[in-house]
Amino acid sequence: MIATQFVGRQAELDTLHAKLQSSEQVAIAAVAGMGGIGKTALAQEYLRRYKDNYPGGRWYLRLRDQSLVSQLLSAAALFGW
Protein backbone atom coordinates (compact mmCIF):
# COMPACT_ATOMS: atom_id res chain seq x y z
CA MET A 1 0.00 0.00 0.00
CA ILE A 2 1.35 3.44 -0.95
CA ALA A 3 0.55 6.32 1.39
CA THR A 4 -1.30 9.26 -0.13
CA GLN A 5 -0.71 11.68 2.75
CA PHE A 6 2.45 12.69 4.58
CA VAL A 7 1.96 12.36 8.35
CA GLY A 8 3.96 11.84 11.50
CA ARG A 9 7.28 13.48 10.56
CA GLN A 10 6.73 17.09 11.66
CA ALA A 11 9.70 17.00 14.07
CA GLU A 12 12.04 15.95 11.25
CA LEU A 13 10.63 18.64 8.94
CA ASP A 14 11.06 21.27 11.66
CA THR A 15 14.67 20.20 12.32
CA LEU A 16 15.52 20.22 8.63
CA HIS A 17 13.93 23.64 8.16
CA ALA A 18 15.76 25.11 11.16
CA LYS A 19 19.12 23.84 9.89
CA LEU A 20 18.56 25.12 6.36
CA GLN A 21 17.36 28.53 7.54
CA SER A 22 20.05 29.09 10.19
CA SER A 23 22.20 31.45 8.09
CA GLU A 24 22.24 33.66 5.00
CA GLN A 25 24.68 31.33 3.22
CA VAL A 26 23.99 28.51 0.81
CA ALA A 27 22.69 25.55 2.79
CA ILE A 28 23.16 21.89 2.01
CA ALA A 29 21.44 19.08 3.86
CA ALA A 30 21.62 15.32 3.56
CA VAL A 31 18.92 12.97 4.75
CA ALA A 32 20.37 9.57 5.61
CA GLY A 33 18.93 6.32 6.89
CA MET A 34 18.04 2.76 6.06
CA GLY A 35 16.23 2.03 2.82
CA GLY A 36 12.47 2.40 2.91
CA ILE A 37 12.13 4.64 5.97
CA GLY A 38 10.94 7.67 4.00
CA LYS A 39 14.02 9.78 3.24
CA THR A 40 12.82 10.69 -0.24
CA ALA A 41 9.28 11.35 0.99
CA LEU A 42 10.66 13.64 3.71
CA ALA A 43 12.75 15.62 1.21
CA GLN A 44 9.85 15.90 -1.23
CA GLU A 45 7.47 17.05 1.50
CA TYR A 46 9.99 19.62 2.70
CA LEU A 47 10.25 21.02 -0.82
CA ARG A 48 6.46 21.07 -1.21
CA ARG A 49 5.97 22.97 2.05
CA TYR A 50 8.92 25.36 1.92
CA LYS A 51 9.69 25.93 -1.78
CA ASP A 52 8.71 29.62 -1.50
CA ASN A 53 11.54 30.10 1.02
CA TYR A 54 14.04 29.43 -1.78
CA PRO A 55 13.34 31.96 -4.57
CA GLY A 56 16.86 31.44 -5.94
CA GLY A 57 16.12 27.80 -6.63
CA ARG A 58 16.88 24.42 -5.16
CA TRP A 59 18.49 21.17 -6.26
CA TYR A 60 17.34 17.68 -5.56
CA LEU A 61 20.01 15.07 -6.28
CA ARG A 62 18.78 11.53 -6.81
CA LEU A 63 21.80 9.41 -5.96
CA ARG A 64 20.27 6.11 -6.95
CA ASP A 65 21.02 6.70 -10.63
CA GLN A 66 24.35 8.56 -10.51
CA SER A 67 27.06 9.37 -8.04
CA LEU A 68 27.04 12.69 -6.21
CA VAL A 69 30.30 13.66 -7.93
CA SER A 70 28.94 13.04 -11.43
CA GLN A 71 25.77 15.03 -10.69
CA LEU A 72 27.74 17.96 -9.25
CA LEU A 73 30.11 17.95 -12.24
CA SER A 74 27.15 17.97 -14.62
CA ALA A 75 25.57 20.88 -12.74
CA ALA A 76 28.85 22.79 -12.71
CA ALA A 77 29.22 22.33 -16.46
CA LEU A 78 25.63 23.47 -16.99
CA PHE A 79 26.35 26.73 -15.15
CA GLY A 80 29.80 27.18 -16.69
CA TRP A 81 31.71 26.76 -13.44
PDB file of N, CA and C in Angstrom:
ATOM      1  N   MET A   1       0.834  -1.167   0.000  1.00  0.00           N
ATOM      2  CA  MET A   1       0.000   0.000   0.000  1.00  0.00           C
ATOM      3  C   MET A   1       0.892   1.248   0.000  1.00  0.00           C
ATOM      4  N   ILE A   2       0.605   2.181  -0.856  1.00  0.00           N
ATOM      5  CA  ILE A   2       1.347   3.435  -0.947  1.00  0.00           C
ATOM      6  C   ILE A   2       0.551   4.528  -0.244  1.00  0.00           C
ATOM      7  N   ALA A   3       1.218   5.241   0.655  1.00  0.00           N
ATOM      8  CA  ALA A   3       0.552   6.322   1.391  1.00  0.00           C
ATOM      9  C   ALA A   3       0.231   7.481   0.456  1.00  0.00           C
ATOM     10  N   THR A   4      -0.909   8.101   0.679  1.00  0.00           N
ATOM     11  CA  THR A   4      -1.298   9.256  -0.133  1.00  0.00           C
ATOM     12  C   THR A   4      -1.159  10.566   0.632  1.00  0.00           C
ATOM     13  N   GLN A   5      -0.912  10.487   1.938  1.00  0.00           N
ATOM     14  CA  GLN A   5      -0.715  11.678   2.754  1.00  0.00           C
ATOM     15  C   GLN A   5       0.579  11.537   3.540  1.00  0.00           C
ATOM     16  N   PHE A   6       1.210  12.664   3.810  1.00  0.00           N
ATOM     17  CA  PHE A   6       2.447  12.685   4.581  1.00  0.00           C
ATOM     18  C   PHE A   6       2.094  13.038   6.020  1.00  0.00           C
ATOM     19  N   VAL A   7       2.299  12.116   6.940  1.00  0.00           N
ATOM     20  CA  VAL A   7       1.957  12.357   8.347  1.00  0.00           C
ATOM     21  C   VAL A   7       3.058  11.822   9.261  1.00  0.00           C
ATOM     22  N   GLY A   8       3.115  12.397  10.461  1.00  0.00           N
ATOM     23  CA  GLY A   8       3.962  11.842  11.502  1.00  0.00           C
ATOM     24  C   GLY A   8       5.433  12.192  11.458  1.00  0.00           C
ATOM     25  N   ARG A   9       5.852  13.144  10.648  1.00  0.00           N
ATOM     26  CA  ARG A   9       7.278  13.481  10.560  1.00  0.00           C
ATOM     27  C   ARG A   9       7.513  14.976  10.762  1.00  0.00           C
ATOM     28  N   GLN A  10       6.614  15.645  11.483  1.00  0.00           N
ATOM     29  CA  GLN A  10       6.733  17.089  11.664  1.00  0.00           C
ATOM     30  C   GLN A  10       8.028  17.467  12.374  1.00  0.00           C
ATOM     31  N   ALA A  11       8.457  16.683  13.354  1.00  0.00           N
ATOM     32  CA  ALA A  11       9.700  16.999  14.073  1.00  0.00           C
ATOM     33  C   ALA A  11      10.891  16.994  13.122  1.00  0.00           C
ATOM     34  N   GLU A  12      10.946  16.016  12.221  1.00  0.00           N
ATOM     35  CA  GLU A  12      12.039  15.948  11.254  1.00  0.00           C
ATOM     36  C   GLU A  12      11.984  17.124  10.280  1.00  0.00           C
ATOM     37  N   LEU A  13      10.779  17.481   9.833  1.00  0.00           N
ATOM     38  CA  LEU A  13      10.631  18.639   8.943  1.00  0.00           C
ATOM     39  C   LEU A  13      11.060  19.923   9.643  1.00  0.00           C
ATOM     40  N   ASP A  14      10.676  20.082  10.905  1.00  0.00           N
ATOM     41  CA  ASP A  14      11.059  21.275  11.662  1.00  0.00           C
ATOM     42  C   ASP A  14      12.573  21.355  11.839  1.00  0.00           C
ATOM     43  N   THR A  15      13.210  20.229  12.153  1.00  0.00           N
ATOM     44  CA  THR A  15      14.665  20.198  12.323  1.00  0.00           C
ATOM     45  C   THR A  15      15.366  20.545  11.023  1.00  0.00           C
ATOM     46  N   LEU A  16      14.928  19.946   9.933  1.00  0.00           N
ATOM     47  CA  LEU A  16      15.523  20.220   8.629  1.00  0.00           C
ATOM     48  C   LEU A  16      15.360  21.690   8.264  1.00  0.00           C
ATOM     49  N   HIS A  17      14.187  22.235   8.484  1.00  0.00           N
ATOM     50  CA  HIS A  17      13.934  23.638   8.157  1.00  0.00           C
ATOM     51  C   HIS A  17      14.807  24.564   9.009  1.00  0.00           C
ATOM     52  N   ALA A  18      14.927  24.283  10.280  1.00  0.00           N
ATOM     53  CA  ALA A  18      15.758  25.109  11.162  1.00  0.00           C
ATOM     54  C   ALA A  18      17.215  25.091  10.716  1.00  0.00           C
ATOM     55  N   LYS A  19      17.721  23.937  10.339  1.00  0.00           N
ATOM     56  CA  LYS A  19      19.117  23.836   9.894  1.00  0.00           C
ATOM     57  C   LYS A  19      19.338  24.576   8.578  1.00  0.00           C
ATOM     58  N   LEU A  20      18.403  24.468   7.658  1.00  0.00           N
ATOM     59  CA  LEU A  20      18.563  25.116   6.357  1.00  0.00           C
ATOM     60  C   LEU A  20      18.352  26.622   6.420  1.00  0.00           C
ATOM     61  N   GLN A  21      17.638  27.099   7.421  1.00  0.00           N
ATOM     62  CA  GLN A  21      17.358  28.529   7.542  1.00  0.00           C
ATOM     63  C   GLN A  21      18.262  29.230   8.557  1.00  0.00           C
ATOM     64  N   SER A  22      19.266  28.548   9.082  1.00  0.00           N
ATOM     65  CA  SER A  22      20.053  29.089  10.188  1.00  0.00           C
ATOM     66  C   SER A  22      21.047  30.172   9.787  1.00  0.00           C
ATOM     67  N   SER A  23      21.274  30.396   8.497  1.00  0.00           N
ATOM     68  CA  SER A  23      22.200  31.455   8.088  1.00  0.00           C
ATOM     69  C   SER A  23      21.803  31.987   6.720  1.00  0.00           C
ATOM     70  N   GLU A  24      22.503  33.043   6.301  1.00  0.00           N
ATOM     71  CA  GLU A  24      22.238  33.661   4.997  1.00  0.00           C
ATOM     72  C   GLU A  24      23.010  32.963   3.875  1.00  0.00           C
ATOM     73  N   GLN A  25      23.838  31.998   4.208  1.00  0.00           N
ATOM     74  CA  GLN A  25      24.684  31.332   3.225  1.00  0.00           C
ATOM     75  C   GLN A  25      23.940  30.189   2.548  1.00  0.00           C
ATOM     76  N   VAL A  26      24.550  29.675   1.496  1.00  0.00           N
ATOM     77  CA  VAL A  26      23.994  28.508   0.811  1.00  0.00           C
ATOM     78  C   VAL A  26      23.953  27.350   1.797  1.00  0.00           C
ATOM     79  N   ALA A  27      22.852  26.663   1.850  1.00  0.00           N
ATOM     80  CA  ALA A  27      22.691  25.553   2.787  1.00  0.00           C
ATOM     81  C   ALA A  27      22.587  24.241   2.025  1.00  0.00           C
ATOM     82  N   ILE A  28      23.225  23.240   2.570  1.00  0.00           N
ATOM     83  CA  ILE A  28      23.158  21.893   2.011  1.00  0.00           C
ATOM     84  C   ILE A  28      22.755  20.959   3.140  1.00  0.00           C
ATOM     85  N   ALA A  29      21.858  20.057   2.860  1.00  0.00           N
ATOM     86  CA  ALA A  29      21.442  19.079   3.863  1.00  0.00           C
ATOM     87  C   ALA A  29      21.394  17.704   3.220  1.00  0.00           C
ATOM     88  N   ALA A  30      21.736  16.710   3.996  1.00  0.00           N
ATOM     89  CA  ALA A  30      21.624  15.323   3.559  1.00  0.00           C
ATOM     90  C   ALA A  30      20.668  14.616   4.509  1.00  0.00           C
ATOM     91  N   VAL A  31      19.830  13.778   3.952  1.00  0.00           N
ATOM     92  CA  VAL A  31      18.922  12.967   4.752  1.00  0.00           C
ATOM     93  C   VAL A  31      19.391  11.531   4.585  1.00  0.00           C
ATOM     94  N   ALA A  32      19.798  10.910   5.677  1.00  0.00           N
ATOM     95  CA  ALA A  32      20.370   9.567   5.609  1.00  0.00           C
ATOM     96  C   ALA A  32      19.572   8.605   6.478  1.00  0.00           C
ATOM     97  N   GLY A  33      19.605   7.343   6.109  1.00  0.00           N
ATOM     98  CA  GLY A  33      18.931   6.318   6.894  1.00  0.00           C
ATOM     99  C   GLY A  33      18.779   5.047   6.081  1.00  0.00           C
ATOM    100  N   MET A  34      18.243   4.045   6.717  1.00  0.00           N
ATOM    101  CA  MET A  34      18.037   2.759   6.056  1.00  0.00           C
ATOM    102  C   MET A  34      17.037   2.905   4.911  1.00  0.00           C
ATOM    103  N   GLY A  35      17.144   2.019   3.953  1.00  0.00           N
ATOM    104  CA  GLY A  35      16.229   2.029   2.825  1.00  0.00           C
ATOM    105  C   GLY A  35      14.787   1.816   3.260  1.00  0.00           C
ATOM    106  N   GLY A  36      13.889   2.589   2.668  1.00  0.00           N
ATOM    107  CA  GLY A  36      12.473   2.395   2.914  1.00  0.00           C
ATOM    108  C   GLY A  36      11.885   3.124   4.103  1.00  0.00           C
ATOM    109  N   ILE A  37      12.686   3.958   4.788  1.00  0.00           N
ATOM    110  CA  ILE A  37      12.133   4.636   5.972  1.00  0.00           C
ATOM    111  C   ILE A  37      11.520   5.998   5.656  1.00  0.00           C
ATOM    112  N   GLY A  38      11.614   6.439   4.385  1.00  0.00           N
ATOM    113  CA  GLY A  38      10.937   7.674   4.001  1.00  0.00           C
ATOM    114  C   GLY A  38      11.824   8.878   3.784  1.00  0.00           C
ATOM    115  N   LYS A  39      13.100   8.655   3.479  1.00  0.00           N
ATOM    116  CA  LYS A  39      14.016   9.784   3.240  1.00  0.00           C
ATOM    117  C   LYS A  39      13.568  10.618   2.050  1.00  0.00           C
ATOM    118  N   THR A  40      13.251   9.973   0.963  1.00  0.00           N
ATOM    119  CA  THR A  40      12.818  10.690  -0.236  1.00  0.00           C
ATOM    120  C   THR A  40      11.494  11.396   0.019  1.00  0.00           C
ATOM    121  N   ALA A  41      10.572  10.727   0.678  1.00  0.00           N
ATOM    122  CA  ALA A  41       9.277  11.352   0.988  1.00  0.00           C
ATOM    123  C   ALA A  41       9.468  12.575   1.872  1.00  0.00           C
ATOM    124  N   LEU A  42      10.383  12.503   2.834  1.00  0.00           N
ATOM    125  CA  LEU A  42      10.660  13.642   3.710  1.00  0.00           C
ATOM    126  C   LEU A  42      11.205  14.818   2.904  1.00  0.00           C
ATOM    127  N   ALA A  43      12.168  14.550   2.032  1.00  0.00           N
ATOM    128  CA  ALA A  43      12.752  15.617   1.206  1.00  0.00           C
ATOM    129  C   ALA A  43      11.704  16.225   0.273  1.00  0.00           C
ATOM    130  N   GLN A  44      10.885  15.394  -0.323  1.00  0.00           N
ATOM    131  CA  GLN A  44       9.852  15.897  -1.231  1.00  0.00           C
ATOM    132  C   GLN A  44       8.807  16.719  -0.486  1.00  0.00           C
ATOM    133  N   GLU A  45       8.438  16.290   0.704  1.00  0.00           N
ATOM    134  CA  GLU A  45       7.465  17.046   1.495  1.00  0.00           C
ATOM    135  C   GLU A  45       8.056  18.374   1.945  1.00  0.00           C
ATOM    136  N   TYR A  46       9.337  18.363   2.319  1.00  0.00           N
ATOM    137  CA  TYR A  46       9.990  19.618   2.698  1.00  0.00           C
ATOM    138  C   TYR A  46       9.931  20.608   1.535  1.00  0.00           C
ATOM    139  N   LEU A  47      10.279  20.151   0.357  1.00  0.00           N
ATOM    140  CA  LEU A  47      10.248  21.019  -0.820  1.00  0.00           C
ATOM    141  C   LEU A  47       8.832  21.530  -1.091  1.00  0.00           C
ATOM    142  N   ARG A  48       7.847  20.657  -0.977  1.00  0.00           N
ATOM    143  CA  ARG A  48       6.458  21.067  -1.213  1.00  0.00           C
ATOM    144  C   ARG A  48       6.039  22.168  -0.228  1.00  0.00           C
ATOM    145  N   ARG A  49       6.399  22.002   1.028  1.00  0.00           N
ATOM    146  CA  ARG A  49       5.973  22.967   2.050  1.00  0.00           C
ATOM    147  C   ARG A  49       6.756  24.276   2.023  1.00  0.00           C
ATOM    148  N   TYR A  50       8.052  24.200   1.720  1.00  0.00           N
ATOM    149  CA  TYR A  50       8.917  25.363   1.915  1.00  0.00           C
ATOM    150  C   TYR A  50       9.540  25.909   0.637  1.00  0.00           C
ATOM    151  N   LYS A  51       9.067  25.495  -0.529  1.00  0.00           N
ATOM    152  CA  LYS A  51       9.693  25.933  -1.779  1.00  0.00           C
ATOM    153  C   LYS A  51       9.720  27.449  -1.930  1.00  0.00           C
ATOM    154  N   ASP A  52       8.739  28.154  -1.385  1.00  0.00           N
ATOM    155  CA  ASP A  52       8.712  29.615  -1.504  1.00  0.00           C
ATOM    156  C   ASP A  52       9.808  30.294  -0.685  1.00  0.00           C
ATOM    157  N   ASN A  53      10.424  29.559   0.238  1.00  0.00           N
ATOM    158  CA  ASN A  53      11.542  30.099   1.020  1.00  0.00           C
ATOM    159  C   ASN A  53      12.839  30.125   0.210  1.00  0.00           C
ATOM    160  N   TYR A  54      12.832  29.551  -0.963  1.00  0.00           N
ATOM    161  CA  TYR A  54      14.038  29.426  -1.781  1.00  0.00           C
ATOM    162  C   TYR A  54      13.804  30.016  -3.171  1.00  0.00           C
ATOM    163  N   PRO A  55      13.629  31.342  -3.271  1.00  0.00           N
ATOM    164  CA  PRO A  55      13.338  31.956  -4.567  1.00  0.00           C
ATOM    165  C   PRO A  55      14.497  31.836  -5.557  1.00  0.00           C
ATOM    166  N   GLY A  56      15.699  31.607  -5.057  1.00  0.00           N
ATOM    167  CA  GLY A  56      16.857  31.444  -5.936  1.00  0.00           C
ATOM    168  C   GLY A  56      16.959  30.062  -6.539  1.00  0.00           C
ATOM    169  N   GLY A  57      16.125  29.147  -6.092  1.00  0.00           N
ATOM    170  CA  GLY A  57      16.118  27.798  -6.630  1.00  0.00           C
ATOM    171  C   GLY A  57      16.559  26.772  -5.610  1.00  0.00           C
ATOM    172  N   ARG A  58      16.468  25.529  -6.004  1.00  0.00           N
ATOM    173  CA  ARG A  58      16.879  24.419  -5.160  1.00  0.00           C
ATOM    174  C   ARG A  58      17.223  23.236  -6.042  1.00  0.00           C
ATOM    175  N   TRP A  59      18.093  22.386  -5.538  1.00  0.00           N
ATOM    176  CA  TRP A  59      18.492  21.173  -6.260  1.00  0.00           C
ATOM    177  C   TRP A  59      18.102  19.963  -5.456  1.00  0.00           C
ATOM    178  N   TYR A  60      17.650  18.970  -6.158  1.00  0.00           N
ATOM    179  CA  TYR A  60      17.341  17.682  -5.556  1.00  0.00           C
ATOM    180  C   TYR A  60      18.185  16.667  -6.311  1.00  0.00           C
ATOM    181  N   LEU A  61      19.124  16.037  -5.634  1.00  0.00           N
ATOM    182  CA  LEU A  61      20.006  15.071  -6.279  1.00  0.00           C
ATOM    183  C   LEU A  61      19.532  13.662  -5.957  1.00  0.00           C
ATOM    184  N   ARG A  62      19.213  12.918  -6.980  1.00  0.00           N
ATOM    185  CA  ARG A  62      18.783  11.530  -6.808  1.00  0.00           C
ATOM    186  C   ARG A  62      20.009  10.646  -6.997  1.00  0.00           C
ATOM    187  N   LEU A  63      20.536  10.135  -5.909  1.00  0.00           N
ATOM    188  CA  LEU A  63      21.800   9.410  -5.962  1.00  0.00           C
ATOM    189  C   LEU A  63      21.647   7.951  -6.351  1.00  0.00           C
ATOM    190  N   ARG A  64      20.458   7.493  -6.543  1.00  0.00           N
ATOM    191  CA  ARG A  64      20.265   6.108  -6.952  1.00  0.00           C
ATOM    192  C   ARG A  64      20.813   5.876  -8.364  1.00  0.00           C
ATOM    193  N   ASP A  65      20.667   6.873  -9.230  1.00  0.00           N
ATOM    194  CA  ASP A  65      21.019   6.701 -10.630  1.00  0.00           C
ATOM    195  C   ASP A  65      22.449   7.113 -10.961  1.00  0.00           C
ATOM    196  N   GLN A  66      23.006   8.066 -10.241  1.00  0.00           N
ATOM    197  CA  GLN A  66      24.351   8.562 -10.513  1.00  0.00           C
ATOM    198  C   GLN A  66      25.034   8.874  -9.192  1.00  0.00           C
ATOM    199  N   SER A  67      26.347   8.978  -9.248  1.00  0.00           N
ATOM    200  CA  SER A  67      27.061   9.369  -8.038  1.00  0.00           C
ATOM    201  C   SER A  67      26.896  10.866  -7.802  1.00  0.00           C
ATOM    202  N   LEU A  68      27.112  11.273  -6.565  1.00  0.00           N
ATOM    203  CA  LEU A  68      27.043  12.686  -6.212  1.00  0.00           C
ATOM    204  C   LEU A  68      28.044  13.481  -7.032  1.00  0.00           C
ATOM    205  N   VAL A  69      29.252  12.955  -7.180  1.00  0.00           N
ATOM    206  CA  VAL A  69      30.296  13.662  -7.927  1.00  0.00           C
ATOM    207  C   VAL A  69      29.866  13.889  -9.367  1.00  0.00           C
ATOM    208  N   SER A  70      29.330  12.874 -10.030  1.00  0.00           N
ATOM    209  CA  SER A  70      28.942  13.043 -11.433  1.00  0.00           C
ATOM    210  C   SER A  70      27.795  14.044 -11.569  1.00  0.00           C
ATOM    211  N   GLN A  71      26.867  14.065 -10.623  1.00  0.00           N
ATOM    212  CA  GLN A  71      25.775  15.033 -10.690  1.00  0.00           C
ATOM    213  C   GLN A  71      26.279  16.455 -10.460  1.00  0.00           C
ATOM    214  N   LEU A  72      27.188  16.625  -9.505  1.00  0.00           N
ATOM    215  CA  LEU A  72      27.740  17.960  -9.252  1.00  0.00           C
ATOM    216  C   LEU A  72      28.571  18.447 -10.433  1.00  0.00           C
ATOM    217  N   LEU A  73      29.334  17.564 -11.055  1.00  0.00           N
ATOM    218  CA  LEU A  73      30.111  17.951 -12.237  1.00  0.00           C
ATOM    219  C   LEU A  73      29.188  18.344 -13.389  1.00  0.00           C
ATOM    220  N   SER A  74      28.109  17.620 -13.570  1.00  0.00           N
ATOM    221  CA  SER A  74      27.145  17.966 -14.618  1.00  0.00           C
ATOM    222  C   SER A  74      26.513  19.326 -14.347  1.00  0.00           C
ATOM    223  N   ALA A  75      26.155  19.582 -13.100  1.00  0.00           N
ATOM    224  CA  ALA A  75      25.566  20.875 -12.743  1.00  0.00           C
ATOM    225  C   ALA A  75      26.574  21.998 -12.938  1.00  0.00           C
ATOM    226  N   ALA A  76      27.810  21.773 -12.547  1.00  0.00           N
ATOM    227  CA  ALA A  76      28.851  22.792 -12.710  1.00  0.00           C
ATOM    228  C   ALA A  76      29.051  23.118 -14.184  1.00  0.00           C
ATOM    229  N   ALA A  77      29.061  22.104 -15.027  1.00  0.00           N
ATOM    230  CA  ALA A  77      29.221  22.333 -16.464  1.00  0.00           C
ATOM    231  C   ALA A  77      28.030  23.110 -17.019  1.00  0.00           C
ATOM    232  N   LEU A  78      26.841  22.789 -16.540  1.00  0.00           N
ATOM    233  CA  LEU A  78      25.633  23.474 -16.986  1.00  0.00           C
ATOM    234  C   LEU A  78      25.699  24.971 -16.696  1.00  0.00           C
ATOM    235  N   PHE A  79      26.256  25.327 -15.541  1.00  0.00           N
ATOM    236  CA  PHE A  79      26.351  26.731 -15.146  1.00  0.00           C
ATOM    237  C   PHE A  79      27.673  27.375 -15.545  1.00  0.00           C
ATOM    238  N   GLY A  80      28.531  26.630 -16.229  1.00  0.00           N
ATOM    239  CA  GLY A  80      29.796  27.180 -16.693  1.00  0.00           C
ATOM    240  C   GLY A  80      30.814  27.414 -15.596  1.00  0.00           C
ATOM    241  N   TRP A  81      30.769  26.589 -14.545  1.00  0.00           N
ATOM    242  CA  TRP A  81      31.713  26.756 -13.443  1.00  0.00           C
ATOM    243  C   TRP A  81      32.969  25.987 -13.705  1.00  0.00           C
TER     244      TRP A  81
END
